[in-house]
């Protein structure tokens, strides 16, 4: 599971939306838009799903570990 993130248009910083989902499930969802309160600039930002990404801490480390176990690295 990861957190859906968007970029604050005011500061350019990544901010969490509060939506927890895995990357594959998020990519299968229909296009939608939502609103998220930004803790950095204190403004509500409207965003579209195609502007967002799922941040899954440790995902790259897990993938690298899986690849090395399978002799890919």
PDB file of N, CA and C in Angstrom:
ATOM      1  N   UNK A   1       0.844  -1.183   0.000  1.00  0.00           N
ATOM      2  CA  UNK A   1       0.000   0.000   0.000  1.00  0.00           C
ATOM      3  C   UNK A   1       0.881   1.234   0.000  1.00  0.00           C
ATOM      4  N   UNK A   2       0.389   2.246  -0.654  1.00  0.00           N
ATOM      5  CA  UNK A   2       1.121   3.497  -0.707  1.00  0.00           C
ATOM      6  C   UNK A   2       0.159   4.661  -0.567  1.00  0.00           C
ATOM      7  N   UNK A   3       0.726   5.858  -0.645  1.00  0.00           N
ATOM      8  CA  UNK A   3      -0.053   7.081  -0.518  1.00  0.00           C
ATOM      9  C   UNK A   3      -0.075   7.791  -1.860  1.00  0.00           C
ATOM     10  N   UNK A   4      -1.266   8.199  -2.290  1.00  0.00           N
ATOM     11  CA  UNK A   4      -1.373   8.994  -3.511  1.00  0.00           C
ATOM     12  C   UNK A   4      -0.827  10.389  -3.195  1.00  0.00           C
ATOM     13  N   UNK A   5       0.083  10.825  -4.067  1.00  0.00           N
ATOM     14  CA  UNK A   5       0.762  12.112  -3.884  1.00  0.00           C
ATOM     15  C   UNK A   5       0.480  13.006  -5.086  1.00  0.00           C
ATOM     16  N   UNK A   6       0.479  14.307  -4.837  1.00  0.00           N
ATOM     17  CA  UNK A   6       0.393  15.304  -5.907  1.00  0.00           C
ATOM     18  C   UNK A   6       1.416  16.391  -5.611  1.00  0.00           C
ATOM     19  N   UNK A   7       1.693  17.203  -6.614  1.00  0.00           N
ATOM     20  CA  UNK A   7       2.654  18.284  -6.444  1.00  0.00           C
ATOM     21  C   UNK A   7       1.904  19.591  -6.187  1.00  0.00           C
ATOM     22  N   UNK A   8       2.319  20.308  -5.149  1.00  0.00           N
ATOM     23  CA  UNK A   8       1.734  21.617  -4.835  1.00  0.00           C
ATOM     24  C   UNK A   8       2.125  22.597  -5.950  1.00  0.00           C
ATOM     25  N   UNK A   9       1.148  23.226  -6.609  1.00  0.00           N
ATOM     26  CA  UNK A   9       1.480  24.154  -7.687  1.00  0.00           C
ATOM     27  C   UNK A   9       2.148  25.439  -7.182  1.00  0.00           C
ATOM     28  N   UNK A  10       1.997  25.746  -5.905  1.00  0.00           N
ATOM     29  CA  UNK A  10       2.611  26.949  -5.341  1.00  0.00           C
ATOM     30  C   UNK A  10       4.077  26.739  -4.992  1.00  0.00           C
ATOM     31  N   UNK A  11       4.386  25.578  -4.398  1.00  0.00           N
ATOM     32  CA  UNK A  11       5.743  25.336  -3.889  1.00  0.00           C
ATOM     33  C   UNK A  11       6.509  24.276  -4.674  1.00  0.00           C
ATOM     34  N   UNK A  12       5.780  23.446  -5.438  1.00  0.00           N
ATOM     35  CA  UNK A  12       6.418  22.358  -6.169  1.00  0.00           C
ATOM     36  C   UNK A  12       6.719  21.141  -5.314  1.00  0.00           C
ATOM     37  N   UNK A  13       6.353  21.177  -4.048  1.00  0.00           N
ATOM     38  CA  UNK A  13       6.619  20.054  -3.145  1.00  0.00           C
ATOM     39  C   UNK A  13       5.553  18.977  -3.288  1.00  0.00           C
ATOM     40  N   UNK A  14       5.966  17.727  -3.075  1.00  0.00           N
ATOM     41  CA  UNK A  14       5.035  16.604  -3.088  1.00  0.00           C
ATOM     42  C   UNK A  14       4.216  16.634  -1.808  1.00  0.00           C
ATOM     43  N   UNK A  15       2.905  16.463  -1.951  1.00  0.00           N
ATOM     44  CA  UNK A  15       2.028  16.454  -0.775  1.00  0.00           C
ATOM     45  C   UNK A  15       1.145  15.210  -0.811  1.00  0.00           C
ATOM     46  N   UNK A  16       0.874  14.625   0.350  1.00  0.00           N
ATOM     47  CA  UNK A  16       0.000  13.448   0.408  1.00  0.00           C
ATOM     48  C   UNK A  16      -1.459  13.862   0.281  1.00  0.00           C
ATOM     49  N   UNK A  17      -2.248  13.035  -0.397  1.00  0.00           N
ATOM     50  CA  UNK A  17      -3.670  13.335  -0.578  1.00  0.00           C
ATOM     51  C   UNK A  17      -4.536  12.711   0.510  1.00  0.00           C
ATOM     52  N   UNK A  18      -3.965  11.766   1.251  1.00  0.00           N
ATOM     53  CA  UNK A  18      -4.754  11.042   2.246  1.00  0.00           C
ATOM     54  C   UNK A  18      -5.365   9.771   1.695  1.00  0.00           C
ATOM     55  N   UNK A  19      -5.159   9.498   0.396  1.00  0.00           N
ATOM     56  CA  UNK A  19      -5.693   8.293  -0.234  1.00  0.00           C
ATOM     57  C   UNK A  19      -4.629   7.206  -0.197  1.00  0.00           C
ATOM     58  N   UNK A  20      -4.953   6.080   0.447  1.00  0.00           N
ATOM     59  CA  UNK A  20      -4.030   4.942   0.510  1.00  0.00           C
ATOM     60  C   UNK A  20      -4.510   3.874  -0.461  1.00  0.00           C
ATOM     61  N   UNK A  21      -3.590   3.431  -1.337  1.00  0.00           N
ATOM     62  CA  UNK A  21      -3.933   2.451  -2.372  1.00  0.00           C
ATOM     63  C   UNK A  21      -2.640   1.885  -2.938  1.00  0.00           C
ATOM     64  N   UNK A  22      -2.706   0.720  -3.546  1.00  0.00           N
ATOM     65  CA  UNK A  22      -1.500   0.205  -4.201  1.00  0.00           C
ATOM     66  C   UNK A  22      -1.446   0.759  -5.631  1.00  0.00           C
ATOM     67  N   UNK A  23      -0.263   0.781  -6.194  1.00  0.00           N
ATOM     68  CA  UNK A  23      -0.020   1.391  -7.503  1.00  0.00           C
ATOM     69  C   UNK A  23      -0.890   0.769  -8.606  1.00  0.00           C
ATOM     70  N   UNK A  24      -0.979  -0.547  -8.627  1.00  0.00           N
ATOM     71  CA  UNK A  24      -1.741  -1.225  -9.670  1.00  0.00           C
ATOM     72  C   UNK A  24      -3.230  -0.869  -9.603  1.00  0.00           C
ATOM     73  N   UNK A  25      -3.787  -0.851  -8.410  1.00  0.00           N
ATOM     74  CA  UNK A  25      -5.206  -0.495  -8.249  1.00  0.00           C
ATOM     75  C   UNK A  25      -5.454   0.951  -8.656  1.00  0.00           C
ATOM     76  N   UNK A  26      -4.540   1.847  -8.310  1.00  0.00           N
ATOM     77  CA  UNK A  26      -4.685   3.258  -8.671  1.00  0.00           C
ATOM     78  C   UNK A  26      -4.669   3.416 -10.194  1.00  0.00           C
ATOM     79  N   UNK A  27      -3.793   2.694 -10.873  1.00  0.00           N
ATOM     80  CA  UNK A  27      -3.692   2.803 -12.329  1.00  0.00           C
ATOM     81  C   UNK A  27      -4.929   2.256 -13.037  1.00  0.00           C
ATOM     82  N   UNK A  28      -5.655   1.345 -12.393  1.00  0.00           N
ATOM     83  CA  UNK A  28      -6.869   0.777 -12.988  1.00  0.00           C
ATOM     84  C   UNK A  28      -8.099   1.651 -12.775  1.00  0.00           C
ATOM     85  N   UNK A  29      -8.013   2.627 -11.911  1.00  0.00           N
ATOM     86  CA  UNK A  29      -9.173   3.480 -11.636  1.00  0.00           C
ATOM     87  C   UNK A  29      -9.471   4.386 -12.830  1.00  0.00           C
ATOM     88  N   UNK A  30     -10.737   4.747 -12.994  1.00  0.00           N
ATOM     89  CA  UNK A  30     -11.062   5.692 -14.065  1.00  0.00           C
ATOM     90  C   UNK A  30     -10.473   7.071 -13.742  1.00  0.00           C
ATOM     91  N   UNK A  31     -10.325   7.872 -14.763  1.00  0.00           N
ATOM     92  CA  UNK A  31      -9.805   9.224 -14.566  1.00  0.00           C
ATOM     93  C   UNK A  31     -10.784   9.991 -13.678  1.00  0.00           C
ATOM     94  N   UNK A  32     -10.258  10.686 -12.705  1.00  0.00           N
ATOM     95  CA  UNK A  32     -11.086  11.462 -11.798  1.00  0.00           C
ATOM     96  C   UNK A  32     -10.305  12.685 -11.336  1.00  0.00           C
ATOM     97  N   UNK A  33     -10.992  13.602 -10.710  1.00  0.00           N
ATOM     98  CA  UNK A  33     -10.297  14.715 -10.087  1.00  0.00           C
ATOM     99  C   UNK A  33     -10.735  14.802  -8.639  1.00  0.00           C
ATOM    100  N   UNK A  34      -9.900  15.432  -7.845  1.00  0.00           N
ATOM    101  CA  UNK A  34     -10.179  15.530  -6.421  1.00  0.00           C
ATOM    102  C   UNK A  34      -9.589  16.836  -5.890  1.00  0.00           C
ATOM    103  N   UNK A  35      -9.778  17.033  -4.631  1.00  0.00           N
ATOM    104  CA  UNK A  35      -9.270  18.229  -3.962  1.00  0.00           C
ATOM    105  C   UNK A  35      -8.535  17.791  -2.708  1.00  0.00           C
ATOM    106  N   UNK A  36      -7.392  18.404  -2.456  1.00  0.00           N
ATOM    107  CA  UNK A  36      -6.571  18.076  -1.294  1.00  0.00           C
ATOM    108  C   UNK A  36      -6.099  19.360  -0.631  1.00  0.00           C
ATOM    109  N   UNK A  37      -6.170  19.389   0.695  1.00  0.00           N
ATOM    110  CA  UNK A  37      -5.647  20.538   1.436  1.00  0.00           C
ATOM    111  C   UNK A  37      -4.134  20.396   1.570  1.00  0.00           C
ATOM    112  N   UNK A  38      -3.411  21.420   1.190  1.00  0.00           N
ATOM    113  CA  UNK A  38      -1.951  21.397   1.225  1.00  0.00           C
ATOM    114  C   UNK A  38      -1.450  21.895   2.582  1.00  0.00           C
ATOM    115  N   UNK A  39      -0.701  21.052   3.295  1.00  0.00           N
ATOM    116  CA  UNK A  39      -0.184  21.471   4.600  1.00  0.00           C
ATOM    117  C   UNK A  39       0.939  22.505   4.483  1.00  0.00           C
ATOM    118  N   UNK A  40       1.520  22.655   3.297  1.00  0.00           N
ATOM    119  CA  UNK A  40       2.620  23.594   3.110  1.00  0.00           C
ATOM    120  C   UNK A  40       2.122  25.014   2.901  1.00  0.00           C
ATOM    121  N   UNK A  41       1.223  25.192   1.930  1.00  0.00           N
ATOM    122  CA  UNK A  41       0.763  26.554   1.622  1.00  0.00           C
ATOM    123  C   UNK A  41      -0.634  26.854   2.178  1.00  0.00           C
ATOM    124  N   UNK A  42      -1.252  25.870   2.803  1.00  0.00           N
ATOM    125  CA  UNK A  42      -2.558  26.023   3.443  1.00  0.00           C
ATOM    126  C   UNK A  42      -3.684  26.373   2.467  1.00  0.00           C
ATOM    127  N   UNK A  43      -3.579  25.866   1.239  1.00  0.00           N
ATOM    128  CA  UNK A  43      -4.597  26.087   0.214  1.00  0.00           C
ATOM    129  C   UNK A  43      -5.121  24.726  -0.233  1.00  0.00           C
ATOM    130  N   UNK A  44      -6.400  24.669  -0.616  1.00  0.00           N
ATOM    131  CA  UNK A  44      -6.953  23.455  -1.212  1.00  0.00           C
ATOM    132  C   UNK A  44      -6.591  23.449  -2.691  1.00  0.00           C
ATOM    133  N   UNK A  45      -5.986  22.350  -3.149  1.00  0.00           N
ATOM    134  CA  UNK A  45      -5.615  22.213  -4.549  1.00  0.00           C
ATOM    135  C   UNK A  45      -6.515  21.175  -5.201  1.00  0.00           C
ATOM    136  N   UNK A  46      -6.991  21.486  -6.402  1.00  0.00           N
ATOM    137  CA  UNK A  46      -7.733  20.532  -7.214  1.00  0.00           C
ATOM    138  C   UNK A  46      -6.728  19.851  -8.129  1.00  0.00           C
ATOM    139  N   UNK A  47      -6.868  18.537  -8.266  1.00  0.00           N
ATOM    140  CA  UNK A  47      -5.912  17.792  -9.098  1.00  0.00           C
ATOM    141  C   UNK A  47      -6.614  16.666  -9.829  1.00  0.00           C
ATOM    142  N   UNK A  48      -6.032  16.270 -10.950  1.00  0.00           N
ATOM    143  CA  UNK A  48      -6.533  15.154 -11.746  1.00  0.00           C
ATOM    144  C   UNK A  48      -5.685  13.927 -11.471  1.00  0.00           C
ATOM    145  N   UNK A  49      -6.280  12.764 -11.596  1.00  0.00           N
ATOM    146  CA  UNK A  49      -5.586  11.499 -11.303  1.00  0.00           C
ATOM    147  C   UNK A  49      -4.309  11.351 -12.130  1.00  0.00           C
ATOM    148  N   UNK A  50      -4.305  11.808 -13.381  1.00  0.00           N
ATOM    149  CA  UNK A  50      -3.106  11.645 -14.203  1.00  0.00           C
ATOM    150  C   UNK A  50      -1.943  12.510 -13.715  1.00  0.00           C
ATOM    151  N   UNK A  51      -2.194  13.473 -12.837  1.00  0.00           N
ATOM    152  CA  UNK A  51      -1.136  14.302 -12.259  1.00  0.00           C
ATOM    153  C   UNK A  51      -0.564  13.685 -10.983  1.00  0.00           C
ATOM    154  N   UNK A  52      -1.208  12.639 -10.484  1.00  0.00           N
ATOM    155  CA  UNK A  52      -0.846  12.037  -9.196  1.00  0.00           C
ATOM    156  C   UNK A  52      -0.015  10.776  -9.394  1.00  0.00           C
ATOM    157  N   UNK A  53       0.623  10.338  -8.323  1.00  0.00           N
ATOM    158  CA  UNK A  53       1.370   9.082  -8.328  1.00  0.00           C
ATOM    159  C   UNK A  53       1.250   8.438  -6.958  1.00  0.00           C
ATOM    160  N   UNK A  54       1.537   7.159  -6.904  1.00  0.00           N
ATOM    161  CA  UNK A  54       1.480   6.429  -5.640  1.00  0.00           C
ATOM    162  C   UNK A  54       2.899   6.269  -5.113  1.00  0.00           C
ATOM    163  N   UNK A  55       3.122   6.794  -3.935  1.00  0.00           N
ATOM    164  CA  UNK A  55       4.425   6.650  -3.267  1.00  0.00           C
ATOM    165  C   UNK A  55       4.331   5.454  -2.337  1.00  0.00           C
ATOM    166  N   UNK A  56       5.128   4.421  -2.641  1.00  0.00           N
ATOM    167  CA  UNK A  56       5.158   3.215  -1.828  1.00  0.00           C
ATOM    168  C   UNK A  56       6.560   3.092  -1.241  1.00  0.00           C
ATOM    169  N   UNK A  57       6.745   3.539  -0.002  1.00  0.00           N
ATOM    170  CA  UNK A  57       8.080   3.457   0.606  1.00  0.00           C
ATOM    171  C   UNK A  57       8.614   2.035   0.560  1.00  0.00           C
ATOM    172  N   UNK A  58       9.854   1.895   0.149  1.00  0.00           N
ATOM    173  CA  UNK A  58      10.489   0.588   0.115  1.00  0.00           C
ATOM    174  C   UNK A  58      10.191  -0.213  -1.136  1.00  0.00           C
ATOM    175  N   UNK A  59       9.343   0.281  -2.041  1.00  0.00           N
ATOM    176  CA  UNK A  59       8.989  -0.489  -3.247  1.00  0.00           C
ATOM    177  C   UNK A  59      10.215  -0.767  -4.105  1.00  0.00           C
ATOM    178  N   UNK A  60      11.055   0.227  -4.342  1.00  0.00           N
ATOM    179  CA  UNK A  60      12.231   0.025  -5.190  1.00  0.00           C
ATOM    180  C   UNK A  60      13.200  -0.963  -4.544  1.00  0.00           C
ATOM    181  N   UNK A  61      13.349  -0.882  -3.236  1.00  0.00           N
ATOM    182  CA  UNK A  61      14.231  -1.813  -2.533  1.00  0.00           C
ATOM    183  C   UNK A  61      13.694  -3.241  -2.656  1.00  0.00           C
ATOM    184  N   UNK A  62      12.356  -3.388  -2.539  1.00  0.00           N
ATOM    185  CA  UNK A  62      11.743  -4.713  -2.679  1.00  0.00           C
ATOM    186  C   UNK A  62      11.945  -5.250  -4.089  1.00  0.00           C
ATOM    187  N   UNK A  63      11.754  -4.401  -5.096  1.00  0.00           N
ATOM    188  CA  UNK A  63      11.923  -4.845  -6.479  1.00  0.00           C
ATOM    189  C   UNK A  63      13.364  -5.249  -6.750  1.00  0.00           C
ATOM    190  N   UNK A  64      14.315  -4.460  -6.253  1.00  0.00           N
ATOM    191  CA  UNK A  64      15.735  -4.782  -6.448  1.00  0.00           C
ATOM    192  C   UNK A  64      16.065  -6.107  -5.756  1.00  0.00           C
ATOM    193  N   UNK A  65      15.505  -6.308  -4.587  1.00  0.00           N
ATOM    194  CA  UNK A  65      15.745  -7.545  -3.839  1.00  0.00           C
ATOM    195  C   UNK A  65      15.155  -8.734  -4.605  1.00  0.00           C
ATOM    196  N   UNK A  66      13.946  -8.589  -5.126  1.00  0.00           N
ATOM    197  CA  UNK A  66      13.325  -9.649  -5.906  1.00  0.00           C
ATOM    198  C   UNK A  66      14.157  -9.976  -7.139  1.00  0.00           C
ATOM    199  N   UNK A  67      14.658  -8.943  -7.816  1.00  0.00           N
ATOM    200  CA  UNK A  67      15.474  -9.150  -9.014  1.00  0.00           C
ATOM    201  C   UNK A  67      16.779  -9.856  -8.683  1.00  0.00           C
ATOM    202  N   UNK A  68      17.402  -9.480  -7.566  1.00  0.00           N
ATOM    203  CA  UNK A  68      18.676 -10.109  -7.225  1.00  0.00           C
ATOM    204  C   UNK A  68      18.462 -11.572  -6.842  1.00  0.00           C
ATOM    205  N   UNK A  69      17.329 -11.894  -6.226  1.00  0.00           N
ATOM    206  CA  UNK A  69      17.040 -13.276  -5.871  1.00  0.00           C
ATOM    207  C   UNK A  69      16.815 -14.127  -7.118  1.00  0.00           C
ATOM    208  N   UNK A  70      16.349 -13.476  -8.169  1.00  0.00           N
ATOM    209  CA  UNK A  70      16.073 -14.209  -9.409  1.00  0.00           C
ATOM    210  C   UNK A  70      17.268 -14.143 -10.374  1.00  0.00           C
ATOM    211  N   UNK A  71      18.395 -13.565  -9.919  1.00  0.00           N
ATOM    212  CA  UNK A  71      19.588 -13.507 -10.737  1.00  0.00           C
ATOM    213  C   UNK A  71      19.551 -12.457 -11.823  1.00  0.00           C
ATOM    214  N   UNK A  72      18.696 -11.448 -11.665  1.00  0.00           N
ATOM    215  CA  UNK A  72      18.576 -10.410 -12.689  1.00  0.00           C
ATOM    216  C   UNK A  72      19.549  -9.269 -12.487  1.00  0.00           C
ATOM    217  N   UNK A  73      20.105  -9.148 -11.311  1.00  0.00           N
ATOM    218  CA  UNK A  73      21.013  -8.016 -11.042  1.00  0.00           C
ATOM    219  C   UNK A  73      22.435  -8.537 -10.969  1.00  0.00           C
TER     220      UNK A  73
END
